[in-house]
Amino acid sequence: MNVPGNGPSQRSVLQRILIKSWEYRHLRFWAGFRIVAGIMLAFCGAATLWVGAYGWAALFLVPAALNLAFGYWEITIARSASA
């Protein structure tokens, strides 16, 4: 029997490629996890900049920016899915 709400989720192709199904089931948790990890990486990058190792700071700051951006994107997906 086909019950509304039991069918496949209507996710875009980009969401299906970048967000795994097990991660999509707990999207708010994983988004928060990514944002916290991004903040921690940003602090590590700032500390590395403070020491003066500018090349090494990029190893922290680039993943920090990517984690923060991806976490924000996941939060917006979770908000739009719940509405």
PDB file of N, CA and C in Angstrom:
ATOM      1  N   MET A   1       0.834  -1.170   0.000  1.00  0.00           N
ATOM      2  CA  MET A   1       0.000   0.000   0.000  1.00  0.00           C
ATOM      3  C   MET A   1       0.880   1.235   0.000  1.00  0.00           C
ATOM      4  N   ASN A   2       0.547   2.215  -0.790  1.00  0.00           N
ATOM      5  CA  ASN A   2       1.315   3.434  -0.900  1.00  0.00           C
ATOM      6  C   ASN A   2       0.758   4.478   0.052  1.00  0.00           C
ATOM      7  N   VAL A   3       1.477   4.738   1.132  1.00  0.00           N
ATOM      8  CA  VAL A   3       1.052   5.702   2.143  1.00  0.00           C
ATOM      9  C   VAL A   3       1.826   6.991   1.925  1.00  0.00           C
ATOM     10  N   PRO A   4       1.143   8.148   1.900  1.00  0.00           N
ATOM     11  CA  PRO A   4       1.876   9.410   1.756  1.00  0.00           C
ATOM     12  C   PRO A   4       2.863   9.584   2.909  1.00  0.00           C
ATOM     13  N   GLY A   5       4.045  10.020   2.585  1.00  0.00           N
ATOM     14  CA  GLY A   5       5.078  10.187   3.587  1.00  0.00           C
ATOM     15  C   GLY A   5       6.012   8.987   3.688  1.00  0.00           C
ATOM     16  N   ASN A   6       5.626   7.847   3.127  1.00  0.00           N
ATOM     17  CA  ASN A   6       6.488   6.665   3.140  1.00  0.00           C
ATOM     18  C   ASN A   6       7.298   6.531   1.863  1.00  0.00           C
ATOM     19  N   GLY A   7       7.048   7.358   0.885  1.00  0.00           N
ATOM     20  CA  GLY A   7       7.751   7.270  -0.387  1.00  0.00           C
ATOM     21  C   GLY A   7       9.162   7.808  -0.281  1.00  0.00           C
ATOM     22  N   PRO A   8       9.894   7.751  -1.365  1.00  0.00           N
ATOM     23  CA  PRO A   8      11.255   8.282  -1.338  1.00  0.00           C
ATOM     24  C   PRO A   8      11.248   9.791  -1.131  1.00  0.00           C
ATOM     25  N   SER A   9      12.270  10.270  -0.440  1.00  0.00           N
ATOM     26  CA  SER A   9      12.337  11.705  -0.169  1.00  0.00           C
ATOM     27  C   SER A   9      12.617  12.474  -1.459  1.00  0.00           C
ATOM     28  N   GLN A  10      12.105  13.642  -1.540  1.00  0.00           N
ATOM     29  CA  GLN A  10      12.258  14.492  -2.724  1.00  0.00           C
ATOM     30  C   GLN A  10      13.494  15.376  -2.557  1.00  0.00           C
ATOM     31  N   ARG A  11      14.652  14.773  -2.630  1.00  0.00           N
ATOM     32  CA  ARG A  11      15.905  15.508  -2.500  1.00  0.00           C
ATOM     33  C   ARG A  11      16.453  15.805  -3.882  1.00  0.00           C
ATOM     34  N   SER A  12      17.162  16.916  -4.002  1.00  0.00           N
ATOM     35  CA  SER A  12      17.777  17.258  -5.276  1.00  0.00           C
ATOM     36  C   SER A  12      18.958  16.328  -5.537  1.00  0.00           C
ATOM     37  N   VAL A  13      19.431  16.336  -6.751  1.00  0.00           N
ATOM     38  CA  VAL A  13      20.554  15.472  -7.130  1.00  0.00           C
ATOM     39  C   VAL A  13      21.800  15.852  -6.329  1.00  0.00           C
ATOM     40  N   LEU A  14      22.026  17.136  -6.146  1.00  0.00           N
ATOM     41  CA  LEU A  14      23.192  17.590  -5.388  1.00  0.00           C
ATOM     42  C   LEU A  14      23.117  17.118  -3.940  1.00  0.00           C
ATOM     43  N   GLN A  15      21.921  17.168  -3.350  1.00  0.00           N
ATOM     44  CA  GLN A  15      21.762  16.691  -1.980  1.00  0.00           C
ATOM     45  C   GLN A  15      21.977  15.193  -1.892  1.00  0.00           C
ATOM     46  N   ARG A  16      21.495  14.436  -2.880  1.00  0.00           N
ATOM     47  CA  ARG A  16      21.677  12.987  -2.861  1.00  0.00           C
ATOM     48  C   ARG A  16      23.138  12.601  -3.030  1.00  0.00           C
ATOM     49  N   ILE A  17      23.900  13.399  -3.781  1.00  0.00           N
ATOM     50  CA  ILE A  17      25.313  13.090  -4.005  1.00  0.00           C
ATOM     51  C   ILE A  17      26.154  13.464  -2.782  1.00  0.00           C
ATOM     52  N   LEU A  18      25.922  14.641  -2.218  1.00  0.00           N
ATOM     53  CA  LEU A  18      26.781  15.135  -1.144  1.00  0.00           C
ATOM     54  C   LEU A  18      26.380  14.678   0.251  1.00  0.00           C
ATOM     55  N   ILE A  19      25.107  14.387   0.475  1.00  0.00           N
ATOM     56  CA  ILE A  19      24.649  14.009   1.812  1.00  0.00           C
ATOM     57  C   ILE A  19      24.222  12.545   1.789  1.00  0.00           C
ATOM     58  N   LYS A  20      24.909  11.731   2.543  1.00  0.00           N
ATOM     59  CA  LYS A  20      24.590  10.299   2.610  1.00  0.00           C
ATOM     60  C   LYS A  20      23.236  10.100   3.271  1.00  0.00           C
ATOM     61  N   SER A  21      22.582   8.972   2.991  1.00  0.00           N
ATOM     62  CA  SER A  21      21.238   8.734   3.514  1.00  0.00           C
ATOM     63  C   SER A  21      21.243   8.608   5.032  1.00  0.00           C
ATOM     64  N   TRP A  22      22.253   7.980   5.610  1.00  0.00           N
ATOM     65  CA  TRP A  22      22.308   7.855   7.069  1.00  0.00           C
ATOM     66  C   TRP A  22      22.549   9.209   7.721  1.00  0.00           C
ATOM     67  N   GLU A  23      23.241  10.114   7.025  1.00  0.00           N
ATOM     68  CA  GLU A  23      23.468  11.452   7.548  1.00  0.00           C
ATOM     69  C   GLU A  23      22.210  12.306   7.401  1.00  0.00           C
ATOM     70  N   TYR A  24      21.458  12.075   6.330  1.00  0.00           N
ATOM     71  CA  TYR A  24      20.258  12.862   6.077  1.00  0.00           C
ATOM     72  C   TYR A  24      19.181  12.585   7.127  1.00  0.00           C
ATOM     73  N   ARG A  25      19.170  11.382   7.696  1.00  0.00           N
ATOM     74  CA  ARG A  25      18.167  11.046   8.702  1.00  0.00           C
ATOM     75  C   ARG A  25      18.348  11.849   9.978  1.00  0.00           C
ATOM     76  N   HIS A  26      19.564  12.292  10.273  1.00  0.00           N
ATOM     77  CA  HIS A  26      19.856  13.095  11.469  1.00  0.00           C
ATOM     78  C   HIS A  26      20.585  14.361  11.044  1.00  0.00           C
ATOM     79  N   LEU A  27      19.963  15.105  10.168  1.00  0.00           N
ATOM     80  CA  LEU A  27      20.644  16.216   9.502  1.00  0.00           C
ATOM     81  C   LEU A  27      21.017  17.337  10.465  1.00  0.00           C
ATOM     82  N   ARG A  28      20.145  17.675  11.399  1.00  0.00           N
ATOM     83  CA  ARG A  28      20.458  18.759  12.339  1.00  0.00           C
ATOM     84  C   ARG A  28      21.663  18.412  13.208  1.00  0.00           C
ATOM     85  N   PHE A  29      21.758  17.167  13.652  1.00  0.00           N
ATOM     86  CA  PHE A  29      22.904  16.751  14.457  1.00  0.00           C
ATOM     87  C   PHE A  29      24.199  16.900  13.672  1.00  0.00           C
ATOM     88  N   TRP A  30      24.217  16.374  12.446  1.00  0.00           N
ATOM     89  CA  TRP A  30      25.444  16.420  11.649  1.00  0.00           C
ATOM     90  C   TRP A  30      25.799  17.837  11.240  1.00  0.00           C
ATOM     91  N   ALA A  31      24.799  18.672  11.013  1.00  0.00           N
ATOM     92  CA  ALA A  31      25.079  20.073  10.692  1.00  0.00           C
ATOM     93  C   ALA A  31      25.728  20.754  11.895  1.00  0.00           C
ATOM     94  N   GLY A  32      25.182  20.512  13.080  1.00  0.00           N
ATOM     95  CA  GLY A  32      25.785  21.076  14.290  1.00  0.00           C
ATOM     96  C   GLY A  32      27.185  20.566  14.526  1.00  0.00           C
ATOM     97  N   PHE A  33      27.391  19.277  14.260  1.00  0.00           N
ATOM     98  CA  PHE A  33      28.718  18.686  14.403  1.00  0.00           C
ATOM     99  C   PHE A  33      29.710  19.360  13.466  1.00  0.00           C
ATOM    100  N   ARG A  34      29.297  19.589  12.220  1.00  0.00           N
ATOM    101  CA  ARG A  34      30.186  20.242  11.253  1.00  0.00           C
ATOM    102  C   ARG A  34      30.494  21.677  11.646  1.00  0.00           C
ATOM    103  N   ILE A  35      29.503  22.384  12.176  1.00  0.00           N
ATOM    104  CA  ILE A  35      29.720  23.773  12.574  1.00  0.00           C
ATOM    105  C   ILE A  35      30.677  23.843  13.759  1.00  0.00           C
ATOM    106  N   VAL A  36      30.506  22.965  14.742  1.00  0.00           N
ATOM    107  CA  VAL A  36      31.421  22.931  15.887  1.00  0.00           C
ATOM    108  C   VAL A  36      32.834  22.576  15.428  1.00  0.00           C
ATOM    109  N   ALA A  37      32.950  21.605  14.536  1.00  0.00           N
ATOM    110  CA  ALA A  37      34.270  21.234  14.010  1.00  0.00           C
ATOM    111  C   ALA A  37      34.894  22.390  13.238  1.00  0.00           C
ATOM    112  N   GLY A  38      34.076  23.128  12.489  1.00  0.00           N
ATOM    113  CA  GLY A  38      34.583  24.293  11.760  1.00  0.00           C
ATOM    114  C   GLY A  38      35.079  25.385  12.686  1.00  0.00           C
ATOM    115  N   ILE A  39      34.370  25.598  13.790  1.00  0.00           N
ATOM    116  CA  ILE A  39      34.805  26.605  14.763  1.00  0.00           C
ATOM    117  C   ILE A  39      36.115  26.181  15.419  1.00  0.00           C
ATOM    118  N   MET A  40      36.224  24.900  15.761  1.00  0.00           N
ATOM    119  CA  MET A  40      37.464  24.416  16.362  1.00  0.00           C
ATOM    120  C   MET A  40      38.636  24.534  15.392  1.00  0.00           C
ATOM    121  N   LEU A  41      38.410  24.203  14.122  1.00  0.00           N
ATOM    122  CA  LEU A  41      39.473  24.351  13.122  1.00  0.00           C
ATOM    123  C   LEU A  41      39.851  25.819  12.920  1.00  0.00           C
ATOM    124  N   ALA A  42      38.864  26.709  12.996  1.00  0.00           N
ATOM    125  CA  ALA A  42      39.156  28.139  12.857  1.00  0.00           C
ATOM    126  C   ALA A  42      40.018  28.634  14.014  1.00  0.00           C
ATOM    127  N   PHE A  43      39.732  28.158  15.231  1.00  0.00           N
ATOM    128  CA  PHE A  43      40.572  28.529  16.372  1.00  0.00           C
ATOM    129  C   PHE A  43      41.989  27.993  16.203  1.00  0.00           C
ATOM    130  N   CYS A  44      42.119  26.766  15.713  1.00  0.00           N
ATOM    131  CA  CYS A  44      43.455  26.205  15.462  1.00  0.00           C
ATOM    132  C   CYS A  44      44.185  27.009  14.388  1.00  0.00           C
ATOM    133  N   GLY A  45      43.458  27.419  13.351  1.00  0.00           N
ATOM    134  CA  GLY A  45      44.062  28.236  12.308  1.00  0.00           C
ATOM    135  C   GLY A  45      44.475  29.605  12.819  1.00  0.00           C
ATOM    136  N   ALA A  46      43.651  30.195  13.693  1.00  0.00           N
ATOM    137  CA  ALA A  46      43.999  31.496  14.268  1.00  0.00           C
ATOM    138  C   ALA A  46      45.231  31.376  15.164  1.00  0.00           C
ATOM    139  N   ALA A  47      45.328  30.295  15.928  1.00  0.00           N
ATOM    140  CA  ALA A  47      46.505  30.083  16.769  1.00  0.00           C
ATOM    141  C   ALA A  47      47.747  29.877  15.922  1.00  0.00           C
ATOM    142  N   THR A  48      47.596  29.189  14.811  1.00  0.00           N
ATOM    143  CA  THR A  48      48.731  28.976  13.920  1.00  0.00           C
ATOM    144  C   THR A  48      49.155  30.286  13.264  1.00  0.00           C
ATOM    145  N   LEU A  49      48.178  31.124  12.931  1.00  0.00           N
ATOM    146  CA  LEU A  49      48.518  32.446  12.390  1.00  0.00           C
ATOM    147  C   LEU A  49      49.226  33.301  13.438  1.00  0.00           C
ATOM    148  N   TRP A  50      48.800  33.179  14.679  1.00  0.00           N
ATOM    149  CA  TRP A  50      49.382  33.965  15.754  1.00  0.00           C
ATOM    150  C   TRP A  50      50.856  33.618  15.948  1.00  0.00           C
ATOM    151  N   VAL A  51      51.192  32.337  15.746  1.00  0.00           N
ATOM    152  CA  VAL A  51      52.580  31.903  15.858  1.00  0.00           C
ATOM    153  C   VAL A  51      53.393  32.403  14.664  1.00  0.00           C
ATOM    154  N   GLY A  52      52.740  32.598  13.522  1.00  0.00           N
ATOM    155  CA  GLY A  52      53.428  33.114  12.352  1.00  0.00           C
ATOM    156  C   GLY A  52      53.637  32.097  11.250  1.00  0.00           C
ATOM    157  N   ALA A  53      53.052  30.927  11.382  1.00  0.00           N
ATOM    158  CA  ALA A  53      53.183  29.898  10.354  1.00  0.00           C
ATOM    159  C   ALA A  53      52.012  30.035   9.386  1.00  0.00           C
ATOM    160  N   TYR A  54      52.150  30.965   8.458  1.00  0.00           N
ATOM    161  CA  TYR A  54      51.031  31.319   7.576  1.00  0.00           C
ATOM    162  C   TYR A  54      50.664  30.190   6.615  1.00  0.00           C
ATOM    163  N   GLY A  55      51.632  29.461   6.111  1.00  0.00           N
ATOM    164  CA  GLY A  55      51.343  28.356   5.202  1.00  0.00           C
ATOM    165  C   GLY A  55      50.604  27.227   5.900  1.00  0.00           C
ATOM    166  N   TRP A  56      50.994  26.935   7.140  1.00  0.00           N
ATOM    167  CA  TRP A  56      50.340  25.874   7.899  1.00  0.00           C
ATOM    168  C   TRP A  56      48.936  26.272   8.326  1.00  0.00           C
ATOM    169  N   ALA A  57      48.692  27.559   8.480  1.00  0.00           N
ATOM    170  CA  ALA A  57      47.365  28.019   8.898  1.00  0.00           C
ATOM    171  C   ALA A  57      46.307  27.680   7.855  1.00  0.00           C
ATOM    172  N   ALA A  58      46.707  27.639   6.598  1.00  0.00           N
ATOM    173  CA  ALA A  58      45.755  27.300   5.535  1.00  0.00           C
ATOM    174  C   ALA A  58      45.248  25.871   5.687  1.00  0.00           C
ATOM    175  N   LEU A  59      46.074  24.987   6.268  1.00  0.00           N
ATOM    176  CA  LEU A  59      45.642  23.604   6.486  1.00  0.00           C
ATOM    177  C   LEU A  59      44.501  23.522   7.498  1.00  0.00           C
ATOM    178  N   PHE A  60      44.351  24.541   8.330  1.00  0.00           N
ATOM    179  CA  PHE A  60      43.239  24.593   9.269  1.00  0.00           C
ATOM    180  C   PHE A  60      42.101  25.473   8.764  1.00  0.00           C
ATOM    181  N   LEU A  61      42.423  26.585   8.143  1.00  0.00           N
ATOM    182  CA  LEU A  61      41.398  27.560   7.790  1.00  0.00           C
ATOM    183  C   LEU A  61      40.558  27.151   6.583  1.00  0.00           C
ATOM    184  N   VAL A  62      41.148  26.461   5.623  1.00  0.00           N
ATOM    185  CA  VAL A  62      40.370  26.014   4.455  1.00  0.00           C
ATOM    186  C   VAL A  62      39.335  24.965   4.858  1.00  0.00           C
ATOM    187  N   PRO A  63      39.711  23.907   5.607  1.00  0.00           N
ATOM    188  CA  PRO A  63      38.672  22.966   6.052  1.00  0.00           C
ATOM    189  C   PRO A  63      37.656  23.609   6.995  1.00  0.00           C
ATOM    190  N   ALA A  64      38.088  24.603   7.774  1.00  0.00           N
ATOM    191  CA  ALA A  64      37.152  25.299   8.658  1.00  0.00           C
ATOM    192  C   ALA A  64      36.076  26.005   7.835  1.00  0.00           C
ATOM    193  N   ALA A  65      36.495  26.697   6.794  1.00  0.00           N
ATOM    194  CA  ALA A  65      35.527  27.402   5.949  1.00  0.00           C
ATOM    195  C   ALA A  65      34.594  26.420   5.249  1.00  0.00           C
ATOM    196  N   LEU A  66      35.147  25.302   4.787  1.00  0.00           N
ATOM    197  CA  LEU A  66      34.314  24.301   4.116  1.00  0.00           C
ATOM    198  C   LEU A  66      33.319  23.658   5.085  1.00  0.00           C
ATOM    199  N   ASN A  67      33.767  23.332   6.296  1.00  0.00           N
ATOM    200  CA  ASN A  67      32.864  22.751   7.288  1.00  0.00           C
ATOM    201  C   ASN A  67      31.760  23.724   7.674  1.00  0.00           C
ATOM    202  N   LEU A  68      32.098  24.992   7.872  1.00  0.00           N
ATOM    203  CA  LEU A  68      31.090  25.984   8.237  1.00  0.00           C
ATOM    204  C   LEU A  68      30.080  26.181   7.114  1.00  0.00           C
ATOM    205  N   ALA A  69      30.559  26.241   5.888  1.00  0.00           N
ATOM    206  CA  ALA A  69      29.648  26.427   4.757  1.00  0.00           C
ATOM    207  C   ALA A  69      28.742  25.218   4.567  1.00  0.00           C
ATOM    208  N   PHE A  70      29.301  24.016   4.662  1.00  0.00           N
ATOM    209  CA  PHE A  70      28.511  22.799   4.481  1.00  0.00           C
ATOM    210  C   PHE A  70      27.511  22.627   5.618  1.00  0.00           C
ATOM    211  N   GLY A  71      27.925  22.960   6.848  1.00  0.00           N
ATOM    212  CA  GLY A  71      27.017  22.886   7.987  1.00  0.00           C
ATOM    213  C   GLY A  71      25.869  23.860   7.861  1.00  0.00           C
ATOM    214  N   TYR A  72      26.161  25.068   7.393  1.00  0.00           N
ATOM    215  CA  TYR A  72      25.100  26.054   7.183  1.00  0.00           C
ATOM    216  C   TYR A  72      24.128  25.575   6.113  1.00  0.00           C
ATOM    217  N   TRP A  73      24.663  24.991   5.049  1.00  0.00           N
ATOM    218  CA  TRP A  73      23.810  24.463   3.972  1.00  0.00           C
ATOM    219  C   TRP A  73      22.899  23.361   4.505  1.00  0.00           C
ATOM    220  N   GLU A  74      23.462  22.471   5.341  1.00  0.00           N
ATOM    221  CA  GLU A  74      22.648  21.404   5.909  1.00  0.00           C
ATOM    222  C   GLU A  74      21.569  21.945   6.839  1.00  0.00           C
ATOM    223  N   ILE A  75      21.876  22.986   7.594  1.00  0.00           N
ATOM    224  CA  ILE A  75      20.869  23.599   8.458  1.00  0.00           C
ATOM    225  C   ILE A  75      19.731  24.181   7.631  1.00  0.00           C
ATOM    226  N   THR A  76      20.051  24.826   6.520  1.00  0.00           N
ATOM    227  CA  THR A  76      18.989  25.390   5.684  1.00  0.00           C
ATOM    228  C   THR A  76      18.140  24.284   5.059  1.00  0.00           C
ATOM    229  N   ILE A  77      18.757  23.149   4.716  1.00  0.00           N
ATOM    230  CA  ILE A  77      17.990  22.020   4.190  1.00  0.00           C
ATOM    231  C   ILE A  77      17.058  21.472   5.266  1.00  0.00           C
ATOM    232  N   ALA A  78      17.573  21.334   6.488  1.00  0.00           N
ATOM    233  CA  ALA A  78      16.750  20.809   7.581  1.00  0.00           C
ATOM    234  C   ALA A  78      15.588  21.735   7.900  1.00  0.00           C
ATOM    235  N   ARG A  79      15.818  23.041   7.839  1.00  0.00           N
ATOM    236  CA  ARG A  79      14.734  23.988   8.097  1.00  0.00           C
ATOM    237  C   ARG A  79      13.670  23.941   7.006  1.00  0.00           C
ATOM    238  N   SER A  80      14.095  23.824   5.754  1.00  0.00           N
ATOM    239  CA  SER A  80      13.127  23.798   4.673  1.00  0.00           C
ATOM    240  C   SER A  80      12.376  22.477   4.635  1.00  0.00           C
ATOM    241  N   ALA A  81      12.991  21.386   5.078  1.00  0.00           N
ATOM    242  CA  ALA A  81      12.322  20.078   5.078  1.00  0.00           C
ATOM    243  C   ALA A  81      11.277  20.009   6.176  1.00  0.00           C
ATOM    244  N   SER A  82      11.516  20.694   7.295  1.00  0.00           N
ATOM    245  CA  SER A  82      10.562  20.628   8.406  1.00  0.00           C
ATOM    246  C   SER A  82       9.378  21.563   8.188  1.00  0.00           C
ATOM    247  N   ALA A  83       9.503  22.510   7.281  1.00  0.00           N
ATOM    248  CA  ALA A  83       8.414  23.479   7.063  1.00  0.00           C
ATOM    249  C   ALA A  83       7.298  22.935   6.201  1.00  0.00           C
TER     250      ALA A  83
END
